[in-house]
Amino acid sequence: MVGTDSVHVTEEAAFGPNETTKYALKPTPTKPDKIECWYGAETATTPRVAATYDANDDDWDCLVPTPATTLATDKLWFALTMGATAANGSVTPSP
C-alpha cells in the first residue's frame, strides 16, 4: 500500500548491478499525477527517474539504473504524487 493505493509492480527486464531495469507500476484505485522511481535506500541521494504513463497498458513505465555495488537492504522505491501529496512505497527486485 502507498497512501490509499495498492501498487502492482512488474519487473519487465533483467535486474542486476550496472543494469537498467524496466518496471511497470499500476496503482489502483487512483491514477497519480506523477510517479518517480529510484533504487537503493528510501533516503538515497541517487537521482529519481520520472515514470511515463503508458496509455496502451494503463500503467506507468520506469527505467531504473542499478549501481555497480548493491546492498541486500536496497529496494526499488517509488513515490506517487497526487496534487501536493506524495507517498513512498517499495519492492525488492528479483535477482
PDB file of N, CA and C in Angstrom:
ATOM      1  N   MET A   1       0.834  -1.179   0.000  1.00  0.00           N
ATOM      2  CA  MET A   1       0.000   0.000   0.000  1.00  0.00           C
ATOM      3  C   MET A   1       0.883   1.249   0.000  1.00  0.00           C
ATOM      4  N   VAL A   2       0.493   2.204  -0.797  1.00  0.00           N
ATOM      5  CA  VAL A   2       1.144   3.508  -0.836  1.00  0.00           C
ATOM      6  C   VAL A   2       0.028   4.530  -0.648  1.00  0.00           C
ATOM      7  N   GLY A   3       0.000   5.151   0.515  1.00  0.00           N
ATOM      8  CA  GLY A   3      -1.129   6.004   0.823  1.00  0.00           C
ATOM      9  C   GLY A   3      -2.390   5.157   0.836  1.00  0.00           C
ATOM     10  N   THR A   4      -3.368   5.494   0.007  1.00  0.00           N
ATOM     11  CA  THR A   4      -4.591   4.701  -0.077  1.00  0.00           C
ATOM     12  C   THR A   4      -4.598   3.780  -1.290  1.00  0.00           C
ATOM     13  N   ASP A   5      -3.492   3.753  -2.031  1.00  0.00           N
ATOM     14  CA  ASP A   5      -3.415   2.948  -3.251  1.00  0.00           C
ATOM     15  C   ASP A   5      -2.656   1.651  -3.043  1.00  0.00           C
ATOM     16  N   SER A   6      -3.053   0.668  -3.783  1.00  0.00           N
ATOM     17  CA  SER A   6      -2.301  -0.567  -3.919  1.00  0.00           C
ATOM     18  C   SER A   6      -1.504  -0.420  -5.216  1.00  0.00           C
ATOM     19  N   VAL A   7      -0.235  -0.847  -5.224  1.00  0.00           N
ATOM     20  CA  VAL A   7       0.597  -0.695  -6.415  1.00  0.00           C
ATOM     21  C   VAL A   7       1.108  -2.066  -6.844  1.00  0.00           C
ATOM     22  N   HIS A   8       0.727  -2.466  -8.058  1.00  0.00           N
ATOM     23  CA  HIS A   8       1.245  -3.708  -8.638  1.00  0.00           C
ATOM     24  C   HIS A   8       2.490  -3.345  -9.443  1.00  0.00           C
ATOM     25  N   VAL A   9       3.611  -4.007  -9.138  1.00  0.00           N
ATOM     26  CA  VAL A   9       4.883  -3.728  -9.816  1.00  0.00           C
ATOM     27  C   VAL A   9       5.320  -4.973 -10.581  1.00  0.00           C
ATOM     28  N   THR A  10       5.612  -4.787 -11.868  1.00  0.00           N
ATOM     29  CA  THR A  10       6.106  -5.877 -12.707  1.00  0.00           C
ATOM     30  C   THR A  10       7.499  -5.521 -13.195  1.00  0.00           C
ATOM     31  N   GLU A  11       8.436  -6.422 -12.984  1.00  0.00           N
ATOM     32  CA  GLU A  11       9.803  -6.253 -13.475  1.00  0.00           C
ATOM     33  C   GLU A  11       9.809  -6.745 -14.924  1.00  0.00           C
ATOM     34  N   GLU A  12      10.053  -5.835 -15.876  1.00  0.00           N
ATOM     35  CA  GLU A  12       9.932  -6.179 -17.295  1.00  0.00           C
ATOM     36  C   GLU A  12      11.274  -6.353 -17.997  1.00  0.00           C
ATOM     37  N   ALA A  13      12.371  -6.348 -17.241  1.00  0.00           N
ATOM     38  CA  ALA A  13      13.707  -6.575 -17.812  1.00  0.00           C
ATOM     39  C   ALA A  13      14.572  -7.171 -16.716  1.00  0.00           C
ATOM     40  N   ALA A  14      15.689  -7.748 -17.113  1.00  0.00           N
ATOM     41  CA  ALA A  14      16.581  -8.379 -16.152  1.00  0.00           C
ATOM     42  C   ALA A  14      17.097  -7.366 -15.143  1.00  0.00           C
ATOM     43  N   PHE A  15      17.183  -7.794 -13.886  1.00  0.00           N
ATOM     44  CA  PHE A  15      17.702  -6.950 -12.820  1.00  0.00           C
ATOM     45  C   PHE A  15      19.109  -7.412 -12.472  1.00  0.00           C
ATOM     46  N   GLY A  16      20.014  -6.454 -12.228  1.00  0.00           N
ATOM     47  CA  GLY A  16      21.363  -6.783 -11.786  1.00  0.00           C
ATOM     48  C   GLY A  16      22.178  -5.520 -11.626  1.00  0.00           C
ATOM     49  N   PRO A  17      23.342  -5.634 -10.982  1.00  0.00           N
ATOM     50  CA  PRO A  17      24.233  -4.488 -10.830  1.00  0.00           C
ATOM     51  C   PRO A  17      24.635  -3.922 -12.192  1.00  0.00           C
ATOM     52  N   ASN A  18      24.743  -2.615 -12.266  1.00  0.00           N
ATOM     53  CA  ASN A  18      25.118  -1.924 -13.513  1.00  0.00           C
ATOM     54  C   ASN A  18      24.148  -2.182 -14.658  1.00  0.00           C
ATOM     55  N   GLU A  19      22.906  -2.442 -14.338  1.00  0.00           N
ATOM     56  CA  GLU A  19      21.866  -2.666 -15.343  1.00  0.00           C
ATOM     57  C   GLU A  19      20.810  -1.571 -15.212  1.00  0.00           C
ATOM     58  N   THR A  20      20.064  -1.358 -16.270  1.00  0.00           N
ATOM     59  CA  THR A  20      18.878  -0.512 -16.199  1.00  0.00           C
ATOM     60  C   THR A  20      17.696  -1.447 -16.375  1.00  0.00           C
ATOM     61  N   THR A  21      16.823  -1.440 -15.394  1.00  0.00           N
ATOM     62  CA  THR A  21      15.687  -2.358 -15.375  1.00  0.00           C
ATOM     63  C   THR A  21      14.402  -1.587 -15.617  1.00  0.00           C
ATOM     64  N   LYS A  22      13.553  -2.136 -16.479  1.00  0.00           N
ATOM     65  CA  LYS A  22      12.257  -1.530 -16.738  1.00  0.00           C
ATOM     66  C   LYS A  22      11.226  -2.147 -15.797  1.00  0.00           C
ATOM     67  N   TYR A  23      10.495  -1.259 -15.114  1.00  0.00           N
ATOM     68  CA  TYR A  23       9.417  -1.668 -14.236  1.00  0.00           C
ATOM     69  C   TYR A  23       8.119  -1.050 -14.726  1.00  0.00           C
ATOM     70  N   ALA A  24       7.044  -1.804 -14.616  1.00  0.00           N
ATOM     71  CA  ALA A  24       5.702  -1.288 -14.897  1.00  0.00           C
ATOM     72  C   ALA A  24       4.974  -1.203 -13.558  1.00  0.00           C
ATOM     73  N   LEU A  25       4.473  -0.018 -13.237  1.00  0.00           N
ATOM     74  CA  LEU A  25       3.769   0.200 -11.985  1.00  0.00           C
ATOM     75  C   LEU A  25       2.314   0.536 -12.282  1.00  0.00           C
ATOM     76  N   LYS A  26       1.414  -0.134 -11.570  1.00  0.00           N
ATOM     77  CA  LYS A  26      -0.012   0.118 -11.783  1.00  0.00           C
ATOM     78  C   LYS A  26      -0.684   0.361 -10.432  1.00  0.00           C
ATOM     79  N   PRO A  27      -0.811   1.648 -10.070  1.00  0.00           N
ATOM     80  CA  PRO A  27      -1.507   1.963  -8.835  1.00  0.00           C
ATOM     81  C   PRO A  27      -3.025   1.916  -9.030  1.00  0.00           C
ATOM     82  N   THR A  28      -3.739   1.430  -8.006  1.00  0.00           N
ATOM     83  CA  THR A  28      -5.201   1.430  -8.029  1.00  0.00           C
ATOM     84  C   THR A  28      -5.688   1.792  -6.634  1.00  0.00           C
ATOM     85  N   PRO A  29      -6.739   2.480  -6.461  1.00  0.00           N
ATOM     86  CA  PRO A  29      -7.767   2.779  -7.447  1.00  0.00           C
ATOM     87  C   PRO A  29      -7.558   4.110  -8.171  1.00  0.00           C
ATOM     88  N   THR A  30      -6.613   4.944  -7.722  1.00  0.00           N
ATOM     89  CA  THR A  30      -6.468   6.258  -8.344  1.00  0.00           C
ATOM     90  C   THR A  30      -5.305   6.282  -9.323  1.00  0.00           C
ATOM     91  N   LYS A  31      -5.318   7.269 -10.214  1.00  0.00           N
ATOM     92  CA  LYS A  31      -4.216   7.496 -11.141  1.00  0.00           C
ATOM     93  C   LYS A  31      -3.443   8.712 -10.633  1.00  0.00           C
ATOM     94  N   PRO A  32      -2.179   8.533 -10.222  1.00  0.00           N
ATOM     95  CA  PRO A  32      -1.412   9.664  -9.693  1.00  0.00           C
ATOM     96  C   PRO A  32      -1.075  10.678 -10.791  1.00  0.00           C
ATOM     97  N   ASP A  33      -0.700  11.878 -10.339  1.00  0.00           N
ATOM     98  CA  ASP A  33      -0.257  12.913 -11.269  1.00  0.00           C
ATOM     99  C   ASP A  33       1.124  12.586 -11.813  1.00  0.00           C
ATOM    100  N   LYS A  34       1.962  11.979 -10.972  1.00  0.00           N
ATOM    101  CA  LYS A  34       3.284  11.546 -11.425  1.00  0.00           C
ATOM    102  C   LYS A  34       3.810  10.450 -10.513  1.00  0.00           C
ATOM    103  N   ILE A  35       4.780   9.689 -11.058  1.00  0.00           N
ATOM    104  CA  ILE A  35       5.488   8.665 -10.303  1.00  0.00           C
ATOM    105  C   ILE A  35       6.967   8.853 -10.559  1.00  0.00           C
ATOM    106  N   GLU A  36       7.762   8.767  -9.511  1.00  0.00           N
ATOM    107  CA  GLU A  36       9.221   8.787  -9.624  1.00  0.00           C
ATOM    108  C   GLU A  36       9.761   7.522  -8.981  1.00  0.00           C
ATOM    109  N   CYS A  37      10.847   6.967  -9.560  1.00  0.00           N
ATOM    110  CA  CYS A  37      11.431   5.717  -9.085  1.00  0.00           C
ATOM    111  C   CYS A  37      12.922   5.897  -8.826  1.00  0.00           C
ATOM    112  N   TRP A  38      13.452   5.089  -7.906  1.00  0.00           N
ATOM    113  CA  TRP A  38      14.899   5.047  -7.661  1.00  0.00           C
ATOM    114  C   TRP A  38      15.240   3.731  -6.990  1.00  0.00           C
ATOM    115  N   TYR A  39      16.504   3.348  -7.060  1.00  0.00           N
ATOM    116  CA  TYR A  39      16.969   2.104  -6.465  1.00  0.00           C
ATOM    117  C   TYR A  39      17.939   2.414  -5.337  1.00  0.00           C
ATOM    118  N   GLY A  40      17.817   1.696  -4.244  1.00  0.00           N
ATOM    119  CA  GLY A  40      18.717   1.862  -3.106  1.00  0.00           C
ATOM    120  C   GLY A  40      17.916   1.954  -1.827  1.00  0.00           C
ATOM    121  N   ALA A  41      18.279   2.922  -0.984  1.00  0.00           N
ATOM    122  CA  ALA A  41      17.562   3.175   0.265  1.00  0.00           C
ATOM    123  C   ALA A  41      16.498   4.243   0.030  1.00  0.00           C
ATOM    124  N   GLU A  42      15.510   4.285   0.911  1.00  0.00           N
ATOM    125  CA  GLU A  42      14.455   5.285   0.757  1.00  0.00           C
ATOM    126  C   GLU A  42      15.033   6.700   0.766  1.00  0.00           C
ATOM    127  N   THR A  43      16.088   6.901   1.543  1.00  0.00           N
ATOM    128  CA  THR A  43      16.699   8.224   1.662  1.00  0.00           C
ATOM    129  C   THR A  43      17.911   8.397   0.749  1.00  0.00           C
ATOM    130  N   ALA A  44      18.071   7.514  -0.220  1.00  0.00           N
ATOM    131  CA  ALA A  44      19.222   7.587  -1.131  1.00  0.00           C
ATOM    132  C   ALA A  44      19.260   8.921  -1.860  1.00  0.00           C
ATOM    133  N   THR A  45      20.463   9.358  -2.150  1.00  0.00           N
ATOM    134  CA  THR A  45      20.627  10.618  -2.880  1.00  0.00           C
ATOM    135  C   THR A  45      20.738  10.384  -4.383  1.00  0.00           C
ATOM    136  N   THR A  46      20.555   9.154  -4.825  1.00  0.00           N
ATOM    137  CA  THR A  46      20.584   8.869  -6.258  1.00  0.00           C
ATOM    138  C   THR A  46      19.428   9.598  -6.936  1.00  0.00           C
ATOM    139  N   PRO A  47      19.620   9.977  -8.185  1.00  0.00           N
ATOM    140  CA  PRO A  47      18.547  10.702  -8.882  1.00  0.00           C
ATOM    141  C   PRO A  47      17.286   9.851  -9.017  1.00  0.00           C
ATOM    142  N   ARG A  48      16.171  10.508  -8.900  1.00  0.00           N
ATOM    143  CA  ARG A  48      14.890   9.838  -9.123  1.00  0.00           C
ATOM    144  C   ARG A  48      14.556   9.906 -10.606  1.00  0.00           C
ATOM    145  N   VAL A  49      14.002   8.832 -11.113  1.00  0.00           N
ATOM    146  CA  VAL A  49      13.655   8.730 -12.521  1.00  0.00           C
ATOM    147  C   VAL A  49      12.152   8.924 -12.656  1.00  0.00           C
ATOM    148  N   ALA A  50      11.751   9.816 -13.532  1.00  0.00           N
ATOM    149  CA  ALA A  50      10.328  10.043 -13.777  1.00  0.00           C
ATOM    150  C   ALA A  50       9.761   8.898 -14.605  1.00  0.00           C
ATOM    151  N   ALA A  51       8.662   8.341 -14.144  1.00  0.00           N
ATOM    152  CA  ALA A  51       7.970   7.299 -14.895  1.00  0.00           C
ATOM    153  C   ALA A  51       7.089   7.968 -15.949  1.00  0.00           C
ATOM    154  N   THR A  52       6.833   7.243 -17.027  1.00  0.00           N
ATOM    155  CA  THR A  52       5.955   7.756 -18.071  1.00  0.00           C
ATOM    156  C   THR A  52       4.685   6.905 -18.111  1.00  0.00           C
ATOM    157  N   TYR A  53       3.569   7.569 -18.296  1.00  0.00           N
ATOM    158  CA  TYR A  53       2.296   6.856 -18.360  1.00  0.00           C
ATOM    159  C   TYR A  53       2.164   6.180 -19.727  1.00  0.00           C
ATOM    160  N   ASP A  54       1.834   4.895 -19.714  1.00  0.00           N
ATOM    161  CA  ASP A  54       1.639   4.106 -20.926  1.00  0.00           C
ATOM    162  C   ASP A  54       0.139   3.838 -21.070  1.00  0.00           C
ATOM    163  N   ALA A  55      -0.520   4.625 -21.903  1.00  0.00           N
ATOM    164  CA  ALA A  55      -1.969   4.506 -22.070  1.00  0.00           C
ATOM    165  C   ALA A  55      -2.374   3.154 -22.651  1.00  0.00           C
ATOM    166  N   ASN A  56      -1.502   2.544 -23.468  1.00  0.00           N
ATOM    167  CA  ASN A  56      -1.824   1.242 -24.055  1.00  0.00           C
ATOM    168  C   ASN A  56      -1.960   0.161 -22.994  1.00  0.00           C
ATOM    169  N   ASP A  57      -1.117   0.226 -21.964  1.00  0.00           N
ATOM    170  CA  ASP A  57      -1.137  -0.778 -20.895  1.00  0.00           C
ATOM    171  C   ASP A  57      -1.833  -0.269 -19.631  1.00  0.00           C
ATOM    172  N   ASP A  58      -2.187   1.013 -19.613  1.00  0.00           N
ATOM    173  CA  ASP A  58      -2.778   1.657 -18.440  1.00  0.00           C
ATOM    174  C   ASP A  58      -1.898   1.455 -17.200  1.00  0.00           C
ATOM    175  N   ASP A  59      -0.587   1.675 -17.405  1.00  0.00           N
ATOM    176  CA  ASP A  59       0.357   1.614 -16.291  1.00  0.00           C
ATOM    177  C   ASP A  59       1.446   2.654 -16.502  1.00  0.00           C
ATOM    178  N   TRP A  60       2.391   2.704 -15.597  1.00  0.00           N
ATOM    179  CA  TRP A  60       3.500   3.662 -15.641  1.00  0.00           C
ATOM    180  C   TRP A  60       4.788   2.881 -15.847  1.00  0.00           C
ATOM    181  N   ASP A  61       5.607   3.278 -16.822  1.00  0.00           N
ATOM    182  CA  ASP A  61       6.883   2.619 -17.106  1.00  0.00           C
ATOM    183  C   ASP A  61       8.019   3.452 -16.533  1.00  0.00           C
ATOM    184  N   CYS A  62       8.946   2.759 -15.864  1.00  0.00           N
ATOM    185  CA  CYS A  62      10.066   3.448 -15.233  1.00  0.00           C
ATOM    186  C   CYS A  62      11.348   2.662 -15.521  1.00  0.00           C
ATOM    187  N   LEU A  63      12.347   3.325 -16.102  1.00  0.00           N
ATOM    188  CA  LEU A  63      13.645   2.710 -16.395  1.00  0.00           C
ATOM    189  C   LEU A  63      14.617   3.120 -15.295  1.00  0.00           C
ATOM    190  N   VAL A  64      14.965   2.174 -14.419  1.00  0.00           N
ATOM    191  CA  VAL A  64      15.721   2.489 -13.215  1.00  0.00           C
ATOM    192  C   VAL A  64      17.121   1.885 -13.282  1.00  0.00           C
ATOM    193  N   PRO A  65      18.165   2.729 -13.240  1.00  0.00           N
ATOM    194  CA  PRO A  65      19.534   2.210 -13.208  1.00  0.00           C
ATOM    195  C   PRO A  65      19.867   1.651 -11.822  1.00  0.00           C
ATOM    196  N   THR A  66      20.645   0.578 -11.838  1.00  0.00           N
ATOM    197  CA  THR A  66      21.113  -0.043 -10.604  1.00  0.00           C
ATOM    198  C   THR A  66      22.617   0.194 -10.502  1.00  0.00           C
ATOM    199  N   PRO A  67      23.125   0.606  -9.329  1.00  0.00           N
ATOM    200  CA  PRO A  67      24.561   0.853  -9.189  1.00  0.00           C
ATOM    201  C   PRO A  67      25.374  -0.431  -9.300  1.00  0.00           C
ATOM    202  N   ALA A  68      26.690  -0.283  -9.490  1.00  0.00           N
ATOM    203  CA  ALA A  68      27.585  -1.440  -9.613  1.00  0.00           C
ATOM    204  C   ALA A  68      27.614  -2.256  -8.329  1.00  0.00           C
ATOM    205  N   THR A  69      27.507  -1.578  -7.192  1.00  0.00           N
ATOM    206  CA  THR A  69      27.509  -2.262  -5.903  1.00  0.00           C
ATOM    207  C   THR A  69      26.144  -2.091  -5.258  1.00  0.00           C
ATOM    208  N   THR A  70      25.516  -3.200  -4.925  1.00  0.00           N
ATOM    209  CA  THR A  70      24.207  -3.154  -4.293  1.00  0.00           C
ATOM    210  C   THR A  70      24.288  -3.779  -2.908  1.00  0.00           C
ATOM    211  N   LEU A  71      23.378  -3.380  -2.042  1.00  0.00           N
ATOM    212  CA  LEU A  71      23.280  -3.933  -0.694  1.00  0.00           C
ATOM    213  C   LEU A  71      22.038  -4.811  -0.600  1.00  0.00           C
ATOM    214  N   ALA A  72      22.075  -5.776   0.285  1.00  0.00           N
ATOM    215  CA  ALA A  72      20.927  -6.669   0.467  1.00  0.00           C
ATOM    216  C   ALA A  72      19.683  -5.906   0.909  1.00  0.00           C
ATOM    217  N   THR A  73      19.871  -4.762   1.522  1.00  0.00           N
ATOM    218  CA  THR A  73      18.738  -3.963   2.004  1.00  0.00           C
ATOM    219  C   THR A  73      18.186  -2.998   0.953  1.00  0.00           C
ATOM    220  N   ASP A  74      18.840  -2.878  -0.203  1.00  0.00           N
ATOM    221  CA  ASP A  74      18.377  -1.979  -1.263  1.00  0.00           C
ATOM    222  C   ASP A  74      17.066  -2.481  -1.857  1.00  0.00           C
ATOM    223  N   LYS A  75      16.243  -1.539  -2.301  1.00  0.00           N
ATOM    224  CA  LYS A  75      14.952  -1.858  -2.909  1.00  0.00           C
ATOM    225  C   LYS A  75      14.676  -0.913  -4.068  1.00  0.00           C
ATOM    226  N   LEU A  76      13.674  -1.245  -4.851  1.00  0.00           N
ATOM    227  CA  LEU A  76      13.115  -0.305  -5.812  1.00  0.00           C
ATOM    228  C   LEU A  76      12.125   0.544  -5.032  1.00  0.00           C
ATOM    229  N   TRP A  77      12.354   1.847  -5.023  1.00  0.00           N
ATOM    230  CA  TRP A  77      11.468   2.789  -4.348  1.00  0.00           C
ATOM    231  C   TRP A  77      10.705   3.590  -5.389  1.00  0.00           C
ATOM    232  N   PHE A  78       9.503   3.983  -5.052  1.00  0.00           N
ATOM    233  CA  PHE A  78       8.710   4.813  -5.937  1.00  0.00           C
ATOM    234  C   PHE A  78       7.883   5.774  -5.100  1.00  0.00           C
ATOM    235  N   ALA A  79       7.707   6.960  -5.637  1.00  0.00           N
ATOM    236  CA  ALA A  79       6.897   7.992  -4.990  1.00  0.00           C
ATOM    237  C   ALA A  79       5.716   8.310  -5.898  1.00  0.00           C
ATOM    238  N   LEU A  80       4.529   8.166  -5.361  1.00  0.00           N
ATOM    239  CA  LEU A  80       3.309   8.533  -6.078  1.00  0.00           C
ATOM    240  C   LEU A  80       2.914   9.928  -5.627  1.00  0.00           C
ATOM    241  N   THR A  81       2.703  10.824  -6.577  1.00  0.00           N
ATOM    242  CA  THR A  81       2.303  12.184  -6.243  1.00  0.00           C
ATOM    243  C   THR A  81       0.913  12.448  -6.787  1.00  0.00           C
ATOM    244  N   MET A  82       0.048  12.885  -5.880  1.00  0.00           N
ATOM    245  CA  MET A  82      -1.313  13.269  -6.238  1.00  0.00           C
ATOM    246  C   MET A  82      -1.547  14.644  -5.664  1.00  0.00           C
ATOM    247  N   GLY A  83      -1.633  15.640  -6.550  1.00  0.00           N
ATOM    248  CA  GLY A  83      -1.753  17.022  -6.078  1.00  0.00           C
ATOM    249  C   GLY A  83      -0.494  17.418  -5.336  1.00  0.00           C
ATOM    250  N   ALA A  84      -0.643  17.876  -4.119  1.00  0.00           N
ATOM    251  CA  ALA A  84       0.509  18.292  -3.307  1.00  0.00           C
ATOM    252  C   ALA A  84       0.973  17.193  -2.368  1.00  0.00           C
ATOM    253  N   THR A  85       0.395  15.991  -2.476  1.00  0.00           N
ATOM    254  CA  THR A  85       0.711  14.906  -1.564  1.00  0.00           C
ATOM    255  C   THR A  85       1.518  13.822  -2.268  1.00  0.00           C
ATOM    256  N   ALA A  86       2.627  13.410  -1.637  1.00  0.00           N
ATOM    257  CA  ALA A  86       3.446  12.313  -2.169  1.00  0.00           C
ATOM    258  C   ALA A  86       3.553  11.226  -1.105  1.00  0.00           C
ATOM    259  N   ALA A  87       3.569   9.982  -1.551  1.00  0.00           N
ATOM    260  CA  ALA A  87       3.731   8.850  -0.647  1.00  0.00           C
ATOM    261  C   ALA A  87       4.702   7.863  -1.289  1.00  0.00           C
ATOM    262  N   ASN A  88       5.586   7.299  -0.475  1.00  0.00           N
ATOM    263  CA  ASN A  88       6.589   6.352  -0.964  1.00  0.00           C
ATOM    264  C   ASN A  88       6.171   4.917  -0.717  1.00  0.00           C
ATOM    265  N   GLY A  89       6.603   4.050  -1.623  1.00  0.00           N
ATOM    266  CA  GLY A  89       6.431   2.616  -1.484  1.00  0.00           C
ATOM    267  C   GLY A  89       7.675   1.928  -2.013  1.00  0.00           C
ATOM    268  N   SER A  90       7.800   0.615  -1.767  1.00  0.00           N
ATOM    269  CA  SER A  90       8.981  -0.104  -2.252  1.00  0.00           C
ATOM    270  C   SER A  90       8.674  -1.576  -2.478  1.00  0.00           C
ATOM    271  N   VAL A  91       9.519  -2.202  -3.289  1.00  0.00           N
ATOM    272  CA  VAL A  91       9.520  -3.647  -3.502  1.00  0.00           C
ATOM    273  C   VAL A  91      10.972  -4.083  -3.622  1.00  0.00           C
ATOM    274  N   THR A  92      11.209  -5.354  -3.345  1.00  0.00           N
ATOM    275  CA  THR A  92      12.531  -5.930  -3.530  1.00  0.00           C
ATOM    276  C   THR A  92      12.605  -6.545  -4.915  1.00  0.00           C
ATOM    277  N   PRO A  93      13.515  -6.086  -5.777  1.00  0.00           N
ATOM    278  CA  PRO A  93      13.619  -6.652  -7.133  1.00  0.00           C
ATOM    279  C   PRO A  93      14.025  -8.123  -7.103  1.00  0.00           C
ATOM    280  N   SER A  94      13.625  -8.854  -8.118  1.00  0.00           N
ATOM    281  CA  SER A  94      14.011 -10.260  -8.262  1.00  0.00           C
ATOM    282  C   SER A  94      15.422 -10.333  -8.823  1.00  0.00           C
ATOM    283  N   PRO A  95      16.253 -11.205  -8.236  1.00  0.00           N
ATOM    284  CA  PRO A  95      17.630 -11.325  -8.771  1.00  0.00           C
ATOM    285  C   PRO A  95      17.662 -12.012 -10.127  1.00  0.00           C
TER     286      PRO A  95
END
